[in-house]
Amino acid sequence: MAIFAPFLGTTDPTAISTRLRTREPSAQFWFGTDMLGRDIYSRVLYGARVSLVVGFSVAILASVLGLMVGLVAGFIRAADAVIMRVMDGIMSIPSILLAVALMALTRGSVGNVILAITIAEVPRVARLVRGVVLSLREQPYVDAGVAAGTRTPMIILKHILPNTLAPIIVQATYICASAMITEAILSFIGAGTPPIIPSWGNIMAEGRALWQVKFYIVLIPAIFLSITVLAVNLLGDGLRDALDPRLAKQF
């Protein structure tokens, strides 16, 4: 739906028409209109693009950065203490508060939202990777590589990295779902994407003043957000079962 939004009977999601304000859902306006006369159906479909772009971008960036940090911290003992204390310091701040603080230092845009949420998610990936690496570096094949004089970067790339990909892929799906919720929260409180860009959080924020009389303005994007997050979480559960050898044997 997000990809083919222009071909699914949508109109310009930013077009304002004062004579069409707060129209009820009908054959002309499937989800009704908001306080500025904008078509909610169009805004919800185009808003899916923002949520999915933010979710996938944060998942990829946080996974890559967290993977690099976790590999270094887990395999190189001298760097472990310093790196993980920095990660612990970042994790001590609730992710939504850290994202709000970072957004307060920049102007509202999709790129800045992605950056702010990514910074908050990197420590979680780094801790996961570090835990995996700590167990892997004690394996006999790693000791054999060290004894054979193999350079540390080659050991990490050849023996450690491939064994961390499965948990990273699963973790990335949960980060994607969390990032979409965080983006909606930031937009809802006015600290995320600018109002001119349709997003599910913006739509809900603009409709909360009419919640008691036009509840569908808030309810419809909330349903789409909930379904999308649920779908991504189910994908993560499926990948976990498929990539875990112990669970795969049960099927």
Protein backbone atom coordinates (compact mmCIF):
# COMPACT_ATOMS: atom_id res chain seq x y z
CA MET A 1 0.00 0.00 0.00
CA ALA A 2 2.82 2.40 0.79
CA ILE A 3 4.64 1.69 -2.45
CA PHE A 4 1.56 1.99 -4.66
CA ALA A 5 -0.13 4.82 -2.74
CA PRO A 6 -0.37 7.12 -5.83
CA PHE A 7 -2.31 4.41 -7.69
CA LEU A 8 -4.78 3.45 -4.96
CA GLY A 9 -7.29 6.25 -5.45
CA THR A 10 -5.45 8.75 -3.29
CA THR A 11 -5.29 12.51 -3.72
CA ASP A 12 -2.66 15.03 -2.67
CA PRO A 13 -2.29 14.35 1.09
CA THR A 14 -1.30 17.98 1.72
CA ALA A 15 -4.17 19.60 -0.26
CA ILE A 16 -6.22 21.89 2.02
CA SER A 17 -9.90 22.66 1.47
CA THR A 18 -11.74 24.60 4.17
CA ARG A 19 -15.17 23.69 2.76
CA LEU A 20 -14.40 19.99 3.22
CA ARG A 21 -13.37 20.17 6.87
CA THR A 22 -14.14 17.22 9.20
CA ARG A 23 -16.27 15.30 6.72
CA GLU A 24 -17.53 11.91 7.87
CA PRO A 25 -16.27 8.74 6.12
CA SER A 26 -18.15 8.32 2.84
CA ALA A 27 -17.82 7.01 -0.70
CA GLN A 28 -15.90 10.17 -1.62
CA PHE A 29 -13.71 10.27 1.49
CA TRP A 30 -13.25 6.70 2.70
CA PHE A 31 -11.71 7.70 6.03
CA GLY A 32 -13.22 11.21 6.20
CA THR A 33 -11.31 14.48 6.29
CA ASP A 34 -9.40 16.33 8.99
CA MET A 35 -9.70 19.85 10.38
CA LEU A 36 -8.05 21.31 7.27
CA GLY A 37 -10.13 19.34 4.80
CA ARG A 38 -7.34 16.94 3.86
CA ASP A 39 -8.25 13.39 2.84
CA ILE A 40 -7.36 11.09 5.75
CA TYR A 41 -7.27 8.01 3.49
CA SER A 42 -4.54 9.61 1.38
CA ARG A 43 -2.64 10.84 4.42
CA VAL A 44 -2.72 7.40 6.05
CA LEU A 45 -1.38 5.66 2.94
CA TYR A 46 1.37 8.21 2.39
CA GLY A 47 2.08 8.18 6.13
CA ALA A 48 2.87 4.49 5.82
CA ARG A 49 5.84 5.47 3.67
CA VAL A 50 7.29 7.60 6.46
CA SER A 51 6.82 4.93 9.11
CA LEU A 52 8.31 2.16 6.99
CA VAL A 53 11.25 4.28 5.82
CA VAL A 54 12.03 5.24 9.40
CA GLY A 55 11.59 1.68 10.66
CA PHE A 56 13.75 -0.03 8.03
CA SER A 57 16.39 2.72 8.03
CA VAL A 58 16.80 2.65 11.81
CA ALA A 59 16.90 -1.16 11.80
CA ILE A 60 19.66 -1.25 9.19
CA LEU A 61 21.75 1.59 10.62
CA ALA A 62 21.44 0.48 14.25
CA SER A 63 22.26 -3.12 13.31
CA VAL A 64 25.36 -2.18 11.31
CA LEU A 65 26.70 0.29 13.88
CA GLY A 66 25.83 -1.93 16.83
CA LEU A 67 27.43 -4.90 15.09
CA MET A 68 30.72 -3.06 14.62
CA VAL A 69 30.75 -1.77 18.18
CA GLY A 70 29.80 -5.16 19.63
CA LEU A 71 32.45 -7.02 17.62
CA VAL A 72 35.20 -4.71 18.81
CA ALA A 73 34.01 -4.67 22.43
CA GLY A 74 33.51 -8.43 22.59
CA PHE A 75 36.75 -9.54 20.98
CA ILE A 76 39.22 -6.88 22.06
CA ARG A 77 39.40 -6.98 25.85
CA ALA A 78 41.26 -3.68 26.18
CA ALA A 79 38.46 -1.79 24.42
CA ASP A 80 35.58 -3.63 26.09
CA ALA A 81 35.44 -1.63 29.33
CA VAL A 82 35.57 1.79 27.66
CA ILE A 83 33.12 1.05 24.86
CA MET A 84 30.53 -0.69 27.02
CA ARG A 85 30.58 2.04 29.67
CA VAL A 86 29.70 4.52 26.93
CA MET A 87 26.94 2.20 25.72
CA ASP A 88 25.65 1.80 29.29
CA GLY A 89 25.58 5.57 29.66
CA ILE A 90 23.44 5.94 26.56
CA MET A 91 21.14 3.10 27.65
CA SER A 92 20.62 4.73 31.04
CA ILE A 93 18.52 7.36 29.28
CA PRO A 94 15.06 6.14 28.14
CA SER A 95 15.13 5.87 24.35
CA ILE A 96 12.15 8.18 23.79
CA LEU A 97 13.64 10.88 26.05
CA LEU A 98 17.00 10.60 24.31
CA ALA A 99 15.30 10.89 20.92
CA VAL A 100 13.33 13.94 22.08
CA ALA A 101 16.50 15.58 23.39
CA LEU A 102 18.35 14.94 20.13
CA MET A 103 15.43 16.26 18.08
CA ALA A 104 15.37 19.40 20.22
CA LEU A 105 18.91 20.13 19.02
CA THR A 106 18.00 19.80 15.34
CA ARG A 107 15.18 20.79 13.02
CA GLY A 108 12.32 18.43 12.35
CA SER A 109 12.90 16.14 9.37
CA VAL A 110 12.69 12.46 8.53
CA GLY A 111 16.48 12.20 8.37
CA ASN A 112 16.95 13.69 11.83
CA VAL A 113 14.26 11.41 13.24
CA ILE A 114 16.09 8.39 11.82
CA LEU A 115 19.39 9.62 13.27
CA ALA A 116 17.92 10.30 16.72
CA ILE A 117 16.24 6.91 17.01
CA THR A 118 19.31 5.10 15.65
CA ILE A 119 21.54 6.59 18.35
CA ALA A 120 19.11 5.35 21.00
CA GLU A 121 19.00 1.81 19.53
CA VAL A 122 22.71 1.18 18.84
CA PRO A 123 23.63 0.25 22.46
CA ARG A 124 21.01 -2.52 22.54
CA VAL A 125 22.44 -4.13 19.42
CA ALA A 126 25.99 -3.67 20.70
CA ARG A 127 25.21 -5.46 23.96
CA LEU A 128 23.59 -8.34 22.09
CA VAL A 129 26.55 -8.76 19.73
CA ARG A 130 29.06 -8.43 22.56
CA GLY A 131 27.36 -11.25 24.47
CA VAL A 132 27.50 -13.51 21.43
CA VAL A 133 31.13 -12.65 20.71
CA LEU A 134 32.20 -13.28 24.32
CA SER A 135 31.01 -16.87 23.99
CA LEU A 136 32.39 -17.36 20.48
CA ARG A 137 35.90 -16.14 21.21
CA GLU A 138 36.38 -19.01 23.67
CA GLN A 139 35.67 -21.62 21.00
CA PRO A 140 38.50 -23.97 19.95
CA TYR A 141 38.49 -22.82 16.32
CA VAL A 142 39.18 -19.24 17.44
CA ASP A 143 42.05 -20.41 19.64
CA ALA A 144 43.38 -22.37 16.69
CA GLY A 145 43.26 -19.29 14.50
CA VAL A 146 45.14 -17.25 17.09
CA ALA A 147 47.73 -19.99 17.52
CA ALA A 148 48.21 -20.13 13.74
CA GLY A 149 49.02 -16.44 13.70
CA THR A 150 45.85 -15.32 11.94
CA ARG A 151 45.35 -11.58 12.26
CA THR A 152 42.55 -10.40 14.56
CA PRO A 153 40.51 -8.68 11.79
CA MET A 154 40.51 -11.92 9.77
CA ILE A 155 39.40 -13.97 12.76
CA ILE A 156 36.54 -11.56 13.39
CA LEU A 157 35.44 -11.50 9.74
CA LYS A 158 35.85 -15.22 9.05
CA HIS A 159 34.85 -16.91 12.31
CA ILE A 160 32.99 -14.43 14.55
CA LEU A 161 30.92 -12.28 12.21
CA PRO A 162 29.00 -15.09 10.42
CA ASN A 163 27.82 -16.50 13.75
CA THR A 164 26.38 -13.14 14.88
CA LEU A 165 24.19 -12.54 11.83
CA ALA A 166 21.23 -14.71 12.90
CA PRO A 167 20.54 -12.92 16.21
CA ILE A 168 21.19 -9.56 14.54
CA ILE A 169 18.58 -10.22 11.85
CA VAL A 170 15.98 -11.12 14.47
CA GLN A 171 16.87 -8.12 16.62
CA ALA A 172 16.60 -5.85 13.58
CA THR A 173 12.92 -6.71 13.14
CA TYR A 174 12.15 -5.69 16.71
CA ILE A 175 14.15 -2.49 16.27
CA CYS A 176 12.11 -1.74 13.13
CA ALA A 177 8.83 -2.10 15.05
CA SER A 178 10.14 -0.05 17.98
CA ALA A 179 11.38 2.69 15.64
CA MET A 180 7.95 3.05 14.01
CA ILE A 181 6.33 3.48 17.42
CA THR A 182 8.99 5.97 18.51
CA GLU A 183 8.56 7.98 15.30
CA ALA A 184 4.80 8.11 15.88
CA ILE A 185 5.34 9.28 19.46
CA LEU A 186 7.81 11.97 18.39
CA SER A 187 5.44 13.22 15.68
CA PHE A 188 2.49 13.08 18.09
CA ILE A 189 4.21 15.38 20.58
CA GLY A 190 5.51 17.67 17.84
CA ALA A 191 9.15 16.62 18.06
CA GLY A 192 9.28 14.45 14.95
CA THR A 193 8.56 14.99 11.29
CA PRO A 194 7.17 18.44 10.37
CA PRO A 195 3.36 18.69 10.03
CA ILE A 196 3.60 19.19 6.27
CA ILE A 197 4.85 15.59 5.93
CA PRO A 198 2.00 13.11 6.49
CA SER A 199 2.84 10.49 9.09
CA TRP A 200 0.67 8.40 11.37
CA GLY A 201 1.88 10.31 14.42
CA ASN A 202 1.09 13.67 12.83
CA ILE A 203 -2.40 12.54 11.82
CA MET A 204 -3.19 11.37 15.35
CA ALA A 205 -1.76 14.57 16.84
CA GLU A 206 -3.90 16.75 14.58
CA GLY A 207 -7.04 14.77 15.40
CA ARG A 208 -6.73 14.60 19.18
CA ALA A 209 -8.53 17.94 19.64
CA LEU A 210 -11.61 16.37 18.02
CA TRP A 211 -11.25 12.96 19.63
CA GLN A 212 -14.65 12.99 21.33
CA VAL A 213 -16.63 13.93 18.21
CA LYS A 214 -14.40 12.72 15.34
CA PHE A 215 -12.65 9.77 16.94
CA TYR A 216 -11.90 8.12 13.59
CA ILE A 217 -9.23 10.75 12.80
CA VAL A 218 -7.10 9.26 15.59
CA LEU A 219 -8.39 5.69 15.50
CA ILE A 220 -7.70 4.89 11.83
CA PRO A 221 -3.95 5.72 11.77
CA ALA A 222 -3.61 4.05 15.18
CA ILE A 223 -5.07 0.83 13.75
CA PHE A 224 -2.69 0.93 10.78
CA LEU A 225 0.27 1.52 13.10
CA SER A 226 -0.77 -1.33 15.40
CA ILE A 227 -1.25 -3.79 12.54
CA THR A 228 2.10 -2.89 10.99
CA VAL A 229 4.00 -3.20 14.27
CA LEU A 230 2.27 -6.52 14.99
CA ALA A 231 3.20 -7.81 11.52
CA VAL A 232 6.85 -6.85 11.96
CA ASN A 233 6.97 -8.50 15.40
CA LEU A 234 5.43 -11.68 13.99
CA LEU A 235 8.08 -11.60 11.26
CA GLY A 236 10.73 -11.38 13.97
CA ASP A 237 9.24 -14.35 15.82
CA GLY A 238 9.19 -16.37 12.60
CA LEU A 239 12.80 -15.52 11.79
CA ARG A 240 13.86 -16.43 15.32
CA ASP A 241 12.23 -19.85 14.99
CA ALA A 242 13.67 -20.39 11.50
CA LEU A 243 17.22 -19.32 12.37
CA ASP A 244 17.43 -21.14 15.73
CA PRO A 245 18.70 -24.69 15.05
CA ARG A 246 17.18 -25.99 18.28
CA LEU A 247 13.72 -24.79 17.33
CA ALA A 248 14.12 -25.89 13.71
CA LYS A 249 14.68 -29.50 14.81
CA GLN A 250 11.28 -29.51 16.53
CA PHE A 251 9.56 -28.96 13.18
